[in-house]
């Protein structure tokens, strides 16, 4: 079973943060940016971040639920570092279980 956790983070600068995050992680991880969507492949999961005018939609998917849950903190802390000029951002993480294919 694949485990996915999602969140929508309100920020007017989502596209900028997605670009910065992918560039930051590209030194150690496989990353891909297409427009305002960035994908980061961690050893145990994949994080996809899509920005629009209202914020960033984040989805983290992996086979091990604990690994996916740990990455919520990693992703949130990194976004918060780039968004230090803004009020603290809010992450409302929601699980979405999907059957293995």
C-alpha atoms as a PDB file:
ATOM      1  CA  UNK A   1       0.000   0.000   0.000  1.00  0.00           C
ATOM      2  CA  UNK A   2       1.171   3.467  -0.847  1.00  0.00           C
ATOM      3  CA  UNK A   3       0.755   6.190   1.769  1.00  0.00           C
ATOM      4  CA  UNK A   4       0.137   9.815   0.812  1.00  0.00           C
ATOM      5  CA  UNK A   5      -0.170  12.815   3.083  1.00  0.00           C
ATOM      6  CA  UNK A   6      -1.247  16.198   1.739  1.00  0.00           C
ATOM      7  CA  UNK A   7      -1.422  19.800   2.895  1.00  0.00           C
ATOM      8  CA  UNK A   8      -2.295  23.183   1.426  1.00  0.00           C
ATOM      9  CA  UNK A   9      -0.135  26.036   2.728  1.00  0.00           C
ATOM     10  CA  UNK A  10      -1.402  29.584   2.257  1.00  0.00           C
ATOM     11  CA  UNK A  11       1.254  31.956   0.911  1.00  0.00           C
ATOM     12  CA  UNK A  12       1.340  34.466  -1.940  1.00  0.00           C
ATOM     13  CA  UNK A  13       4.934  33.397  -2.709  1.00  0.00           C
ATOM     14  CA  UNK A  14       4.394  29.684  -3.330  1.00  0.00           C
ATOM     15  CA  UNK A  15       6.006  29.575  -6.770  1.00  0.00           C
ATOM     16  CA  UNK A  16       9.156  31.230  -5.452  1.00  0.00           C
ATOM     17  CA  UNK A  17       9.391  28.817  -2.519  1.00  0.00           C
ATOM     18  CA  UNK A  18       8.889  25.732  -4.703  1.00  0.00           C
ATOM     19  CA  UNK A  19      11.716  26.912  -6.977  1.00  0.00           C
ATOM     20  CA  UNK A  20      14.004  27.634  -3.998  1.00  0.00           C
ATOM     21  CA  UNK A  21      13.285  24.298  -2.323  1.00  0.00           C
ATOM     22  CA  UNK A  22      13.992  22.289  -5.446  1.00  0.00           C
ATOM     23  CA  UNK A  23      17.210  24.192  -6.084  1.00  0.00           C
ATOM     24  CA  UNK A  24      18.260  23.705  -2.450  1.00  0.00           C
ATOM     25  CA  UNK A  25      17.605  19.954  -2.511  1.00  0.00           C
ATOM     26  CA  UNK A  26      19.040  19.419  -6.011  1.00  0.00           C
ATOM     27  CA  UNK A  27      22.531  19.219  -4.526  1.00  0.00           C
ATOM     28  CA  UNK A  28      21.705  15.959  -2.724  1.00  0.00           C
ATOM     29  CA  UNK A  29      18.460  14.638  -4.210  1.00  0.00           C
ATOM     30  CA  UNK A  30      16.785  14.200  -7.575  1.00  0.00           C
ATOM     31  CA  UNK A  31      14.533  17.185  -8.231  1.00  0.00           C
ATOM     32  CA  UNK A  32      12.399  18.372 -11.121  1.00  0.00           C
ATOM     33  CA  UNK A  33      10.717  21.730 -11.658  1.00  0.00           C
ATOM     34  CA  UNK A  34       8.116  22.422 -14.324  1.00  0.00           C
ATOM     35  CA  UNK A  35       6.554  25.848 -13.985  1.00  0.00           C
ATOM     36  CA  UNK A  36       5.222  26.168 -10.445  1.00  0.00           C
ATOM     37  CA  UNK A  37       5.366  22.422  -9.742  1.00  0.00           C
ATOM     38  CA  UNK A  38       8.373  20.845  -8.112  1.00  0.00           C
ATOM     39  CA  UNK A  39       9.105  17.196  -7.350  1.00  0.00           C
ATOM     40  CA  UNK A  40      11.746  15.992  -4.900  1.00  0.00           C
ATOM     41  CA  UNK A  41      12.661  12.305  -4.757  1.00  0.00           C
ATOM     42  CA  UNK A  42      13.802  11.366  -1.262  1.00  0.00           C
ATOM     43  CA  UNK A  43      15.248   7.895  -0.571  1.00  0.00           C
ATOM     44  CA  UNK A  44      11.909   6.600   0.774  1.00  0.00           C
ATOM     45  CA  UNK A  45       9.260   8.951  -0.644  1.00  0.00           C
ATOM     46  CA  UNK A  46       8.438  11.570  -3.273  1.00  0.00           C
ATOM     47  CA  UNK A  47       7.261  15.086  -2.439  1.00  0.00           C
ATOM     48  CA  UNK A  48       5.310  17.036  -5.033  1.00  0.00           C
ATOM     49  CA  UNK A  49       4.639  20.728  -4.474  1.00  0.00           C
ATOM     50  CA  UNK A  50       2.360  22.740  -6.724  1.00  0.00           C
ATOM     51  CA  UNK A  51       2.023  26.480  -6.249  1.00  0.00           C
ATOM     52  CA  UNK A  52      -0.803  28.760  -7.304  1.00  0.00           C
ATOM     53  CA  UNK A  53      -1.855  32.288  -6.357  1.00  0.00           C
ATOM     54  CA  UNK A  54      -3.126  31.114  -2.979  1.00  0.00           C
ATOM     55  CA  UNK A  55      -0.343  28.841  -1.765  1.00  0.00           C
ATOM     56  CA  UNK A  56       1.381  25.504  -2.146  1.00  0.00           C
ATOM     57  CA  UNK A  57      -0.351  22.124  -2.403  1.00  0.00           C
ATOM     58  CA  UNK A  58       2.011  19.488  -1.012  1.00  0.00           C
ATOM     59  CA  UNK A  59       1.726  15.717  -1.456  1.00  0.00           C
ATOM     60  CA  UNK A  60       4.251  13.269  -0.009  1.00  0.00           C
ATOM     61  CA  UNK A  61       3.943   9.623  -1.103  1.00  0.00           C
ATOM     62  CA  UNK A  62       5.876   6.545  -0.040  1.00  0.00           C
ATOM     63  CA  UNK A  63       5.533   2.891   0.908  1.00  0.00           C
ATOM     64  CA  UNK A  64       6.381   3.360   4.604  1.00  0.00           C
ATOM     65  CA  UNK A  65       3.897   5.489   6.541  1.00  0.00           C
ATOM     66  CA  UNK A  66       6.460   6.468   9.222  1.00  0.00           C
ATOM     67  CA  UNK A  67       8.929   7.701   6.592  1.00  0.00           C
ATOM     68  CA  UNK A  68       6.222   9.757   4.905  1.00  0.00           C
ATOM     69  CA  UNK A  69       5.171  11.258   8.236  1.00  0.00           C
ATOM     70  CA  UNK A  70       8.776  12.205   9.084  1.00  0.00           C
ATOM     71  CA  UNK A  71       9.075  14.058   5.792  1.00  0.00           C
ATOM     72  CA  UNK A  72       6.143  16.332   6.678  1.00  0.00           C
ATOM     73  CA  UNK A  73       8.385  17.997   9.257  1.00  0.00           C
ATOM     74  CA  UNK A  74      11.362  18.157   6.894  1.00  0.00           C
ATOM     75  CA  UNK A  75       9.338  19.769   4.101  1.00  0.00           C
ATOM     76  CA  UNK A  76       7.534  22.187   6.449  1.00  0.00           C
ATOM     77  CA  UNK A  77      10.766  23.311   8.149  1.00  0.00           C
ATOM     78  CA  UNK A  78      12.404  24.009   4.804  1.00  0.00           C
ATOM     79  CA  UNK A  79       9.442  25.981   3.472  1.00  0.00           C
ATOM     80  CA  UNK A  80       9.359  27.947   6.731  1.00  0.00           C
ATOM     81  CA  UNK A  81      13.042  28.857   6.317  1.00  0.00           C
ATOM     82  CA  UNK A  82      12.357  30.377   2.917  1.00  0.00           C
ATOM     83  CA  UNK A  83       9.174  32.047   4.192  1.00  0.00           C
ATOM     84  CA  UNK A  84      10.814  33.639   7.244  1.00  0.00           C
ATOM     85  CA  UNK A  85       9.435  37.085   6.315  1.00  0.00           C
ATOM     86  CA  UNK A  86       5.856  35.828   6.502  1.00  0.00           C
ATOM     87  CA  UNK A  87       3.735  35.009   9.516  1.00  0.00           C
ATOM     88  CA  UNK A  88       4.167  31.401  10.600  1.00  0.00           C
ATOM     89  CA  UNK A  89       2.685  29.184   7.901  1.00  0.00           C
ATOM     90  CA  UNK A  90       0.018  26.615   8.781  1.00  0.00           C
ATOM     91  CA  UNK A  91       0.157  23.002   7.605  1.00  0.00           C
ATOM     92  CA  UNK A  92      -2.991  20.882   7.933  1.00  0.00           C
ATOM     93  CA  UNK A  93      -1.704  17.430   6.977  1.00  0.00           C
ATOM     94  CA  UNK A  94      -4.318  14.884   5.826  1.00  0.00           C
ATOM     95  CA  UNK A  95      -3.714  11.185   5.090  1.00  0.00           C
ATOM     96  CA  UNK A  96      -4.903   9.633   1.839  1.00  0.00           C
ATOM     97  CA  UNK A  97      -4.328   5.874   1.600  1.00  0.00           C
ATOM     98  CA  UNK A  98      -4.087   4.277  -1.841  1.00  0.00           C
ATOM     99  CA  UNK A  99      -3.840   0.624  -2.846  1.00  0.00           C
ATOM    100  CA  UNK A 100      -0.573  -0.583  -4.364  1.00  0.00           C
ATOM    101  CA  UNK A 101      -0.623  -1.001  -8.130  1.00  0.00           C
END
